[in-house]
Amino acid sequence: MADALRTSKLGTCVFGGAAIALGIIGLISRNFAVDWQHVGPDVHHRHALALLAAACEVAGGAAVVWRRTARAGAALLGVLYAIFVFLWLRQAAKAPLTYDS
C-alpha cells in the first residue's frame, strides 16, 4: 500500500510539474507552447487565449500537487486538454486518412 501511494504521489508531482512547465513556457513565449495545442492563426483573440491557457496550466498544475486542491486542478487541466483534443478532432474529421495534418 505504501508503495502504491508513493508511486501515485510521484506521478501526481510529475504531471503537475509538467503542466506548470508547459504553462510557464506559454507565458514566456506569449504563444501556445507546443504544436499539439492546435489553435490556428485565424482564431480571434489568439494571443489572449494562449495566455489564458498558459495561466490555466500553471494554476492547474500547482493545484494538482496539493492534496486539498488536487481534484479541482485535475478537473481544470482535464477540461483544458479536452478543448485541445476537440480542436484536433475537427482537423482529423476533415482529413481522416492524413497523419498529423
PDB file of N, CA and C in Angstrom:
ATOM      1  N   MET A   1       0.822  -1.186   0.000  1.00  0.00           N
ATOM      2  CA  MET A   1       0.000   0.000   0.000  1.00  0.00           C
ATOM      3  C   MET A   1       0.873   1.261   0.000  1.00  0.00           C
ATOM      4  N   ALA A   2       1.919   1.267   0.786  1.00  0.00           N
ATOM      5  CA  ALA A   2       2.784   2.437   0.856  1.00  0.00           C
ATOM      6  C   ALA A   2       3.469   2.685  -0.481  1.00  0.00           C
ATOM      7  N   ASP A   3       3.852   1.605  -1.182  1.00  0.00           N
ATOM      8  CA  ASP A   3       4.489   1.769  -2.493  1.00  0.00           C
ATOM      9  C   ASP A   3       3.518   2.380  -3.499  1.00  0.00           C
ATOM     10  N   ALA A   4       2.251   1.955  -3.437  1.00  0.00           N
ATOM     11  CA  ALA A   4       1.254   2.495  -4.351  1.00  0.00           C
ATOM     12  C   ALA A   4       1.034   3.983  -4.086  1.00  0.00           C
ATOM     13  N   LEU A   5       1.001   4.381  -2.830  1.00  0.00           N
ATOM     14  CA  LEU A   5       0.834   5.792  -2.506  1.00  0.00           C
ATOM     15  C   LEU A   5       2.041   6.604  -2.937  1.00  0.00           C
ATOM     16  N   ARG A   6       3.224   6.065  -2.749  1.00  0.00           N
ATOM     17  CA  ARG A   6       4.439   6.765  -3.145  1.00  0.00           C
ATOM     18  C   ARG A   6       4.485   6.931  -4.660  1.00  0.00           C
ATOM     19  N   THR A   7       4.126   5.887  -5.407  1.00  0.00           N
ATOM     20  CA  THR A   7       4.107   5.954  -6.866  1.00  0.00           C
ATOM     21  C   THR A   7       3.049   6.941  -7.328  1.00  0.00           C
ATOM     22  N   SER A   8       1.893   6.928  -6.684  1.00  0.00           N
ATOM     23  CA  SER A   8       0.825   7.842  -7.039  1.00  0.00           C
ATOM     24  C   SER A   8       1.251   9.292  -6.803  1.00  0.00           C
ATOM     25  N   LYS A   9       1.910   9.544  -5.678  1.00  0.00           N
ATOM     26  CA  LYS A   9       2.370  10.902  -5.384  1.00  0.00           C
ATOM     27  C   LYS A   9       3.436  11.342  -6.388  1.00  0.00           C
ATOM     28  N   LEU A  10       4.323  10.429  -6.763  1.00  0.00           N
ATOM     29  CA  LEU A  10       5.344  10.751  -7.758  1.00  0.00           C
ATOM     30  C   LEU A  10       4.690  11.096  -9.089  1.00  0.00           C
ATOM     31  N   GLY A  11       3.731  10.288  -9.516  1.00  0.00           N
ATOM     32  CA  GLY A  11       3.046  10.550 -10.775  1.00  0.00           C
ATOM     33  C   GLY A  11       2.285  11.869 -10.757  1.00  0.00           C
ATOM     34  N   THR A  12       1.673  12.167  -9.630  1.00  0.00           N
ATOM     35  CA  THR A  12       0.956  13.428  -9.488  1.00  0.00           C
ATOM     36  C   THR A  12       1.917  14.606  -9.569  1.00  0.00           C
ATOM     37  N   CYS A  13       3.064  14.481  -8.913  1.00  0.00           N
ATOM     38  CA  CYS A  13       4.063  15.557  -8.953  1.00  0.00           C
ATOM     39  C   CYS A  13       4.623  15.742 -10.361  1.00  0.00           C
ATOM     40  N   VAL A  14       4.861  14.659 -11.057  1.00  0.00           N
ATOM     41  CA  VAL A  14       5.375  14.750 -12.433  1.00  0.00           C
ATOM     42  C   VAL A  14       4.330  15.401 -13.343  1.00  0.00           C
ATOM     43  N   PHE A  15       3.077  14.981 -13.213  1.00  0.00           N
ATOM     44  CA  PHE A  15       2.004  15.542 -14.028  1.00  0.00           C
ATOM     45  C   PHE A  15       1.819  17.027 -13.724  1.00  0.00           C
ATOM     46  N   GLY A  16       1.781  17.372 -12.456  1.00  0.00           N
ATOM     47  CA  GLY A  16       1.636  18.776 -12.073  1.00  0.00           C
ATOM     48  C   GLY A  16       2.817  19.614 -12.508  1.00  0.00           C
ATOM     49  N   GLY A  17       4.017  19.076 -12.334  1.00  0.00           N
ATOM     50  CA  GLY A  17       5.213  19.802 -12.751  1.00  0.00           C
ATOM     51  C   GLY A  17       5.275  20.014 -14.250  1.00  0.00           C
ATOM     52  N   ALA A  18       4.851  19.011 -15.013  1.00  0.00           N
ATOM     53  CA  ALA A  18       4.841  19.150 -16.479  1.00  0.00           C
ATOM     54  C   ALA A  18       3.832  20.205 -16.917  1.00  0.00           C
ATOM     55  N   ALA A  19       2.675  20.230 -16.265  1.00  0.00           N
ATOM     56  CA  ALA A  19       1.677  21.245 -16.604  1.00  0.00           C
ATOM     57  C   ALA A  19       2.191  22.644 -16.263  1.00  0.00           C
ATOM     58  N   ILE A  20       2.840  22.778 -15.115  1.00  0.00           N
ATOM     59  CA  ILE A  20       3.410  24.071 -14.725  1.00  0.00           C
ATOM     60  C   ILE A  20       4.478  24.498 -15.730  1.00  0.00           C
ATOM     61  N   ALA A  21       5.362  23.587 -16.106  1.00  0.00           N
ATOM     62  CA  ALA A  21       6.423  23.912 -17.059  1.00  0.00           C
ATOM     63  C   ALA A  21       5.844  24.332 -18.410  1.00  0.00           C
ATOM     64  N   LEU A  22       4.831  23.613 -18.878  1.00  0.00           N
ATOM     65  CA  LEU A  22       4.195  23.952 -20.149  1.00  0.00           C
ATOM     66  C   LEU A  22       3.541  25.330 -20.069  1.00  0.00           C
ATOM     67  N   GLY A  23       2.914  25.626 -18.939  1.00  0.00           N
ATOM     68  CA  GLY A  23       2.300  26.939 -18.756  1.00  0.00           C
ATOM     69  C   GLY A  23       3.320  28.054 -18.707  1.00  0.00           C
ATOM     70  N   ILE A  24       4.434  27.817 -18.035  1.00  0.00           N
ATOM     71  CA  ILE A  24       5.483  28.840 -17.962  1.00  0.00           C
ATOM     72  C   ILE A  24       6.071  29.109 -19.343  1.00  0.00           C
ATOM     73  N   ILE A  25       6.276  28.051 -20.119  1.00  0.00           N
ATOM     74  CA  ILE A  25       6.772  28.231 -21.490  1.00  0.00           C
ATOM     75  C   ILE A  25       5.788  29.068 -22.298  1.00  0.00           C
ATOM     76  N   GLY A  26       4.504  28.795 -22.135  1.00  0.00           N
ATOM     77  CA  GLY A  26       3.492  29.571 -22.840  1.00  0.00           C
ATOM     78  C   GLY A  26       3.450  31.025 -22.404  1.00  0.00           C
ATOM     79  N   LEU A  27       3.620  31.267 -21.110  1.00  0.00           N
ATOM     80  CA  LEU A  27       3.621  32.646 -20.617  1.00  0.00           C
ATOM     81  C   LEU A  27       4.842  33.417 -21.101  1.00  0.00           C
ATOM     82  N   ILE A  28       5.991  32.756 -21.110  1.00  0.00           N
ATOM     83  CA  ILE A  28       7.215  33.424 -21.564  1.00  0.00           C
ATOM     84  C   ILE A  28       7.155  33.716 -23.066  1.00  0.00           C
ATOM     85  N   SER A  29       6.713  32.726 -23.831  1.00  0.00           N
ATOM     86  CA  SER A  29       6.670  32.911 -25.282  1.00  0.00           C
ATOM     87  C   SER A  29       5.458  33.715 -25.741  1.00  0.00           C
ATOM     88  N   ARG A  30       4.472  33.884 -24.847  1.00  0.00           N
ATOM     89  CA  ARG A  30       3.221  34.580 -25.158  1.00  0.00           C
ATOM     90  C   ARG A  30       2.537  33.969 -26.377  1.00  0.00           C
ATOM     91  N   ASN A  31       2.613  32.639 -26.438  1.00  0.00           N
ATOM     92  CA  ASN A  31       2.026  31.891 -27.537  1.00  0.00           C
ATOM     93  C   ASN A  31       1.674  30.512 -27.000  1.00  0.00           C
ATOM     94  N   PHE A  32       0.975  29.723 -27.784  1.00  0.00           N
ATOM     95  CA  PHE A  32       0.730  28.346 -27.379  1.00  0.00           C
ATOM     96  C   PHE A  32       2.063  27.619 -27.362  1.00  0.00           C
ATOM     97  N   ALA A  33       2.309  26.869 -26.297  1.00  0.00           N
ATOM     98  CA  ALA A  33       3.646  26.332 -26.033  1.00  0.00           C
ATOM     99  C   ALA A  33       4.069  25.253 -27.025  1.00  0.00           C
ATOM    100  N   VAL A  34       3.151  24.409 -27.436  1.00  0.00           N
ATOM    101  CA  VAL A  34       3.516  23.292 -28.312  1.00  0.00           C
ATOM    102  C   VAL A  34       2.501  23.164 -29.443  1.00  0.00           C
ATOM    103  N   ASP A  35       2.874  22.448 -30.481  1.00  0.00           N
ATOM    104  CA  ASP A  35       2.026  22.325 -31.664  1.00  0.00           C
ATOM    105  C   ASP A  35       0.752  21.524 -31.430  1.00  0.00           C
ATOM    106  N   TRP A  36       0.738  20.647 -30.424  1.00  0.00           N
ATOM    107  CA  TRP A  36      -0.489  19.879 -30.232  1.00  0.00           C
ATOM    108  C   TRP A  36      -1.612  20.739 -29.683  1.00  0.00           C
ATOM    109  N   GLN A  37      -1.309  21.928 -29.242  1.00  0.00           N
ATOM    110  CA  GLN A  37      -2.352  22.875 -28.875  1.00  0.00           C
ATOM    111  C   GLN A  37      -2.765  23.577 -30.162  1.00  0.00           C
ATOM    112  N   HIS A  38      -3.489  22.864 -30.969  1.00  0.00           N
ATOM    113  CA  HIS A  38      -3.756  23.261 -32.354  1.00  0.00           C
ATOM    114  C   HIS A  38      -4.782  24.392 -32.409  1.00  0.00           C
ATOM    115  N   VAL A  39      -4.285  25.609 -32.354  1.00  0.00           N
ATOM    116  CA  VAL A  39      -5.132  26.784 -32.500  1.00  0.00           C
ATOM    117  C   VAL A  39      -4.547  27.582 -33.652  1.00  0.00           C
ATOM    118  N   GLY A  40      -5.310  27.677 -34.711  1.00  0.00           N
ATOM    119  CA  GLY A  40      -4.813  28.308 -35.930  1.00  0.00           C
ATOM    120  C   GLY A  40      -4.606  29.804 -35.794  1.00  0.00           C
ATOM    121  N   PRO A  41      -3.852  30.380 -36.715  1.00  0.00           N
ATOM    122  CA  PRO A  41      -3.578  31.817 -36.662  1.00  0.00           C
ATOM    123  C   PRO A  41      -4.799  32.681 -36.959  1.00  0.00           C
ATOM    124  N   ASP A  42      -5.854  32.082 -37.522  1.00  0.00           N
ATOM    125  CA  ASP A  42      -7.050  32.842 -37.877  1.00  0.00           C
ATOM    126  C   ASP A  42      -8.051  32.967 -36.725  1.00  0.00           C
ATOM    127  N   VAL A  43      -7.757  32.389 -35.558  1.00  0.00           N
ATOM    128  CA  VAL A  43      -8.661  32.436 -34.415  1.00  0.00           C
ATOM    129  C   VAL A  43      -8.613  33.832 -33.797  1.00  0.00           C
ATOM    130  N   HIS A  44      -9.789  34.391 -33.537  1.00  0.00           N
ATOM    131  CA  HIS A  44      -9.863  35.715 -32.924  1.00  0.00           C
ATOM    132  C   HIS A  44      -9.314  35.672 -31.504  1.00  0.00           C
ATOM    133  N   HIS A  45      -8.594  36.687 -31.118  1.00  0.00           N
ATOM    134  CA  HIS A  45      -8.018  36.818 -29.771  1.00  0.00           C
ATOM    135  C   HIS A  45      -7.087  35.652 -29.432  1.00  0.00           C
ATOM    136  N   ARG A  46      -6.338  35.185 -30.407  1.00  0.00           N
ATOM    137  CA  ARG A  46      -5.443  34.038 -30.218  1.00  0.00           C
ATOM    138  C   ARG A  46      -4.414  34.305 -29.129  1.00  0.00           C
ATOM    139  N   HIS A  47      -3.878  35.498 -29.096  1.00  0.00           N
ATOM    140  CA  HIS A  47      -2.852  35.853 -28.110  1.00  0.00           C
ATOM    141  C   HIS A  47      -3.422  35.775 -26.692  1.00  0.00           C
ATOM    142  N   ALA A  48      -4.600  36.326 -26.499  1.00  0.00           N
ATOM    143  CA  ALA A  48      -5.242  36.283 -25.180  1.00  0.00           C
ATOM    144  C   ALA A  48      -5.592  34.848 -24.786  1.00  0.00           C
ATOM    145  N   LEU A  49      -6.047  34.056 -25.747  1.00  0.00           N
ATOM    146  CA  LEU A  49      -6.359  32.652 -25.463  1.00  0.00           C
ATOM    147  C   LEU A  49      -5.110  31.870 -25.081  1.00  0.00           C
ATOM    148  N   ALA A  50      -3.996  32.180 -25.727  1.00  0.00           N
ATOM    149  CA  ALA A  50      -2.738  31.498 -25.403  1.00  0.00           C
ATOM    150  C   ALA A  50      -2.312  31.822 -23.972  1.00  0.00           C
ATOM    151  N   LEU A  51      -2.428  33.086 -23.584  1.00  0.00           N
ATOM    152  CA  LEU A  51      -2.065  33.467 -22.215  1.00  0.00           C
ATOM    153  C   LEU A  51      -3.024  32.864 -21.198  1.00  0.00           C
ATOM    154  N   LEU A  52      -4.312  32.803 -21.526  1.00  0.00           N
ATOM    155  CA  LEU A  52      -5.289  32.188 -20.629  1.00  0.00           C
ATOM    156  C   LEU A  52      -5.012  30.697 -20.458  1.00  0.00           C
ATOM    157  N   ALA A  53      -4.718  30.020 -21.555  1.00  0.00           N
ATOM    158  CA  ALA A  53      -4.403  28.590 -21.483  1.00  0.00           C
ATOM    159  C   ALA A  53      -3.143  28.352 -20.658  1.00  0.00           C
ATOM    160  N   ALA A  54      -2.139  29.186 -20.835  1.00  0.00           N
ATOM    161  CA  ALA A  54      -0.891  29.044 -20.079  1.00  0.00           C
ATOM    162  C   ALA A  54      -1.133  29.283 -18.592  1.00  0.00           C
ATOM    163  N   ALA A  55      -1.921  30.292 -18.274  1.00  0.00           N
ATOM    164  CA  ALA A  55      -2.227  30.560 -16.865  1.00  0.00           C
ATOM    165  C   ALA A  55      -3.023  29.410 -16.244  1.00  0.00           C
ATOM    166  N   CYS A  56      -3.942  28.835 -17.006  1.00  0.00           N
ATOM    167  CA  CYS A  56      -4.712  27.684 -16.508  1.00  0.00           C
ATOM    168  C   CYS A  56      -3.809  26.478 -16.285  1.00  0.00           C
ATOM    169  N   GLU A  57      -2.818  26.293 -17.149  1.00  0.00           N
ATOM    170  CA  GLU A  57      -1.886  25.182 -16.971  1.00  0.00           C
ATOM    171  C   GLU A  57      -1.047  25.367 -15.719  1.00  0.00           C
ATOM    172  N   VAL A  58      -0.588  26.573 -15.466  1.00  0.00           N
ATOM    173  CA  VAL A  58       0.190  26.829 -14.251  1.00  0.00           C
ATOM    174  C   VAL A  58      -0.684  26.632 -13.016  1.00  0.00           C
ATOM    175  N   ALA A  59      -1.882  27.209 -13.032  1.00  0.00           N
ATOM    176  CA  ALA A  59      -2.777  27.092 -11.879  1.00  0.00           C
ATOM    177  C   ALA A  59      -3.212  25.646 -11.658  1.00  0.00           C
ATOM    178  N   GLY A  60      -3.571  24.952 -12.722  1.00  0.00           N
ATOM    179  CA  GLY A  60      -3.995  23.562 -12.595  1.00  0.00           C
ATOM    180  C   GLY A  60      -2.866  22.656 -12.150  1.00  0.00           C
ATOM    181  N   GLY A  61      -1.673  22.876 -12.681  1.00  0.00           N
ATOM    182  CA  GLY A  61      -0.517  22.082 -12.274  1.00  0.00           C
ATOM    183  C   GLY A  61      -0.166  22.288 -10.822  1.00  0.00           C
ATOM    184  N   ALA A  62      -0.224  23.544 -10.373  1.00  0.00           N
ATOM    185  CA  ALA A  62       0.055  23.828  -8.968  1.00  0.00           C
ATOM    186  C   ALA A  62      -1.018  23.229  -8.064  1.00  0.00           C
ATOM    187  N   ALA A  63      -2.264  23.268  -8.511  1.00  0.00           N
ATOM    188  CA  ALA A  63      -3.357  22.717  -7.711  1.00  0.00           C
ATOM    189  C   ALA A  63      -3.270  21.198  -7.609  1.00  0.00           C
ATOM    190  N   VAL A  64      -2.813  20.539  -8.658  1.00  0.00           N
ATOM    191  CA  VAL A  64      -2.719  19.078  -8.654  1.00  0.00           C
ATOM    192  C   VAL A  64      -1.725  18.586  -7.592  1.00  0.00           C
ATOM    193  N   VAL A  65      -0.698  19.363  -7.344  1.00  0.00           N
ATOM    194  CA  VAL A  65       0.353  18.932  -6.423  1.00  0.00           C
ATOM    195  C   VAL A  65      -0.128  18.893  -4.967  1.00  0.00           C
ATOM    196  N   TRP A  66      -1.029  19.786  -4.590  1.00  0.00           N
ATOM    197  CA  TRP A  66      -1.534  19.803  -3.212  1.00  0.00           C
ATOM    198  C   TRP A  66      -2.786  18.948  -3.099  1.00  0.00           C
ATOM    199  N   ARG A  67      -2.826  18.163  -2.041  1.00  0.00           N
ATOM    200  CA  ARG A  67      -3.899  17.189  -1.852  1.00  0.00           C
ATOM    201  C   ARG A  67      -5.277  17.842  -1.791  1.00  0.00           C
ATOM    202  N   ARG A  68      -5.401  18.970  -1.117  1.00  0.00           N
ATOM    203  CA  ARG A  68      -6.709  19.612  -0.948  1.00  0.00           C
ATOM    204  C   ARG A  68      -7.284  20.152  -2.253  1.00  0.00           C
ATOM    205  N   THR A  69      -6.434  20.539  -3.165  1.00  0.00           N
ATOM    206  CA  THR A  69      -6.899  21.136  -4.415  1.00  0.00           C
ATOM    207  C   THR A  69      -6.658  20.242  -5.623  1.00  0.00           C
ATOM    208  N   ALA A  70      -6.251  19.008  -5.378  1.00  0.00           N
ATOM    209  CA  ALA A  70      -5.875  18.115  -6.485  1.00  0.00           C
ATOM    210  C   ALA A  70      -7.044  17.845  -7.425  1.00  0.00           C
ATOM    211  N   ARG A  71      -8.228  17.633  -6.894  1.00  0.00           N
ATOM    212  CA  ARG A  71      -9.379  17.343  -7.765  1.00  0.00           C
ATOM    213  C   ARG A  71      -9.729  18.539  -8.638  1.00  0.00           C
ATOM    214  N   ALA A  72      -9.726  19.715  -8.053  1.00  0.00           N
ATOM    215  CA  ALA A  72     -10.047  20.912  -8.832  1.00  0.00           C
ATOM    216  C   ALA A  72      -8.989  21.149  -9.912  1.00  0.00           C
ATOM    217  N   GLY A  73      -7.716  20.947  -9.571  1.00  0.00           N
ATOM    218  CA  GLY A  73      -6.653  21.111 -10.552  1.00  0.00           C
ATOM    219  C   GLY A  73      -6.744  20.096 -11.673  1.00  0.00           C
ATOM    220  N   ALA A  74      -7.046  18.852 -11.309  1.00  0.00           N
ATOM    221  CA  ALA A  74      -7.191  17.811 -12.333  1.00  0.00           C
ATOM    222  C   ALA A  74      -8.381  18.101 -13.235  1.00  0.00           C
ATOM    223  N   ALA A  75      -9.470  18.614 -12.666  1.00  0.00           N
ATOM    224  CA  ALA A  75     -10.638  18.971 -13.477  1.00  0.00           C
ATOM    225  C   ALA A  75     -10.314  20.122 -14.427  1.00  0.00           C
ATOM    226  N   LEU A  76      -9.609  21.125 -13.916  1.00  0.00           N
ATOM    227  CA  LEU A  76      -9.224  22.256 -14.756  1.00  0.00           C
ATOM    228  C   LEU A  76      -8.345  21.807 -15.916  1.00  0.00           C
ATOM    229  N   LEU A  77      -7.332  21.006 -15.622  1.00  0.00           N
ATOM    230  CA  LEU A  77      -6.450  20.519 -16.684  1.00  0.00           C
ATOM    231  C   LEU A  77      -7.191  19.583 -17.630  1.00  0.00           C
ATOM    232  N   GLY A  78      -8.085  18.775 -17.095  1.00  0.00           N
ATOM    233  CA  GLY A  78      -8.860  17.867 -17.945  1.00  0.00           C
ATOM    234  C   GLY A  78      -9.730  18.615 -18.939  1.00  0.00           C
ATOM    235  N   VAL A  79     -10.393  19.670 -18.474  1.00  0.00           N
ATOM    236  CA  VAL A  79     -11.229  20.478 -19.369  1.00  0.00           C
ATOM    237  C   VAL A  79     -10.362  21.192 -20.401  1.00  0.00           C
ATOM    238  N   LEU A  80      -9.255  21.745 -19.960  1.00  0.00           N
ATOM    239  CA  LEU A  80      -8.355  22.452 -20.880  1.00  0.00           C
ATOM    240  C   LEU A  80      -7.815  21.517 -21.954  1.00  0.00           C
ATOM    241  N   TYR A  81      -7.346  20.356 -21.543  1.00  0.00           N
ATOM    242  CA  TYR A  81      -6.799  19.408 -22.512  1.00  0.00           C
ATOM    243  C   TYR A  81      -7.882  18.823 -23.407  1.00  0.00           C
ATOM    244  N   ALA A  82      -9.106  18.691 -22.892  1.00  0.00           N
ATOM    245  CA  ALA A  82     -10.215  18.205 -23.717  1.00  0.00           C
ATOM    246  C   ALA A  82     -10.536  19.199 -24.832  1.00  0.00           C
ATOM    247  N   ILE A  83     -10.423  20.486 -24.540  1.00  0.00           N
ATOM    248  CA  ILE A  83     -10.646  21.506 -25.571  1.00  0.00           C
ATOM    249  C   ILE A  83      -9.639  21.331 -26.709  1.00  0.00           C
ATOM    250  N   PHE A  84      -8.375  21.099 -26.353  1.00  0.00           N
ATOM    251  CA  PHE A  84      -7.358  20.901 -27.391  1.00  0.00           C
ATOM    252  C   PHE A  84      -7.615  19.609 -28.167  1.00  0.00           C
ATOM    253  N   VAL A  85      -8.108  18.584 -27.512  1.00  0.00           N
ATOM    254  CA  VAL A  85      -8.451  17.333 -28.204  1.00  0.00           C
ATOM    255  C   VAL A  85      -9.563  17.592 -29.213  1.00  0.00           C
ATOM    256  N   PHE A  86     -10.585  18.343 -28.809  1.00  0.00           N
ATOM    257  CA  PHE A  86     -11.687  18.627 -29.726  1.00  0.00           C
ATOM    258  C   PHE A  86     -11.228  19.457 -30.924  1.00  0.00           C
ATOM    259  N   LEU A  87     -10.254  20.328 -30.718  1.00  0.00           N
ATOM    260  CA  LEU A  87      -9.708  21.069 -31.856  1.00  0.00           C
ATOM    261  C   LEU A  87      -9.016  20.133 -32.838  1.00  0.00           C
ATOM    262  N   TRP A  88      -8.330  19.119 -32.329  1.00  0.00           N
ATOM    263  CA  TRP A  88      -7.695  18.138 -33.204  1.00  0.00           C
ATOM    264  C   TRP A  88      -8.721  17.228 -33.874  1.00  0.00           C
ATOM    265  N   LEU A  89      -9.809  16.922 -33.184  1.00  0.00           N
ATOM    266  CA  LEU A  89     -10.837  16.071 -33.783  1.00  0.00           C
ATOM    267  C   LEU A  89     -11.454  16.751 -34.996  1.00  0.00           C
ATOM    268  N   ARG A  90     -11.637  18.048 -34.917  1.00  0.00           N
ATOM    269  CA  ARG A  90     -12.150  18.790 -36.061  1.00  0.00           C
ATOM    270  C   ARG A  90     -11.208  18.647 -37.254  1.00  0.00           C
ATOM    271  N   GLN A  91      -9.920  18.756 -36.987  1.00  0.00           N
ATOM    272  CA  GLN A  91      -8.913  18.615 -38.044  1.00  0.00           C
ATOM    273  C   GLN A  91      -8.894  17.182 -38.586  1.00  0.00           C
ATOM    274  N   ALA A  92      -8.996  16.199 -37.710  1.00  0.00           N
ATOM    275  CA  ALA A  92      -8.995  14.800 -38.138  1.00  0.00           C
ATOM    276  C   ALA A  92     -10.241  14.451 -38.943  1.00  0.00           C
ATOM    277  N   ALA A  93     -11.351  15.087 -38.630  1.00  0.00           N
ATOM    278  CA  ALA A  93     -12.572  14.803 -39.398  1.00  0.00           C
ATOM    279  C   ALA A  93     -12.469  15.335 -40.823  1.00  0.00           C
ATOM    280  N   LYS A  94     -11.726  16.405 -41.017  1.00  0.00           N
ATOM    281  CA  LYS A  94     -11.533  16.955 -42.366  1.00  0.00           C
ATOM    282  C   LYS A  94     -10.714  16.017 -43.247  1.00  0.00           C
ATOM    283  N   ALA A  95      -9.687  15.400 -42.668  1.00  0.00           N
ATOM    284  CA  ALA A  95      -8.786  14.515 -43.428  1.00  0.00           C
ATOM    285  C   ALA A  95      -8.473  13.289 -42.570  1.00  0.00           C
ATOM    286  N   PRO A  96      -9.394  12.316 -42.500  1.00  0.00           N
ATOM    287  CA  PRO A  96      -9.215  11.192 -41.575  1.00  0.00           C
ATOM    288  C   PRO A  96      -8.057  10.252 -41.911  1.00  0.00           C
ATOM    289  N   LEU A  97      -7.585  10.255 -43.146  1.00  0.00           N
ATOM    290  CA  LEU A  97      -6.505   9.352 -43.525  1.00  0.00           C
ATOM    291  C   LEU A  97      -5.134  10.030 -43.503  1.00  0.00           C
ATOM    292  N   THR A  98      -5.086  11.293 -43.116  1.00  0.00           N
ATOM    293  CA  THR A  98      -3.833  12.032 -43.074  1.00  0.00           C
ATOM    294  C   THR A  98      -3.320  12.072 -41.657  1.00  0.00           C
ATOM    295  N   TYR A  99      -2.090  11.626 -41.463  1.00  0.00           N
ATOM    296  CA  TYR A  99      -1.480  11.663 -40.137  1.00  0.00           C
ATOM    297  C   TYR A  99      -0.913  13.043 -39.856  1.00  0.00           C
ATOM    298  N   ASP A 100      -1.278  13.641 -38.758  1.00  0.00           N
ATOM    299  CA  ASP A 100      -0.763  14.933 -38.316  1.00  0.00           C
ATOM    300  C   ASP A 100      -0.921  16.005 -39.381  1.00  0.00           C
ATOM    301  N   SER A 101      -2.168  16.210 -39.770  1.00  0.00           N
ATOM    302  CA  SER A 101      -2.440  17.220 -40.794  1.00  0.00           C
ATOM    303  C   SER A 101      -2.265  18.609 -40.233  1.00  0.00           C
TER     304      SER A 101
END
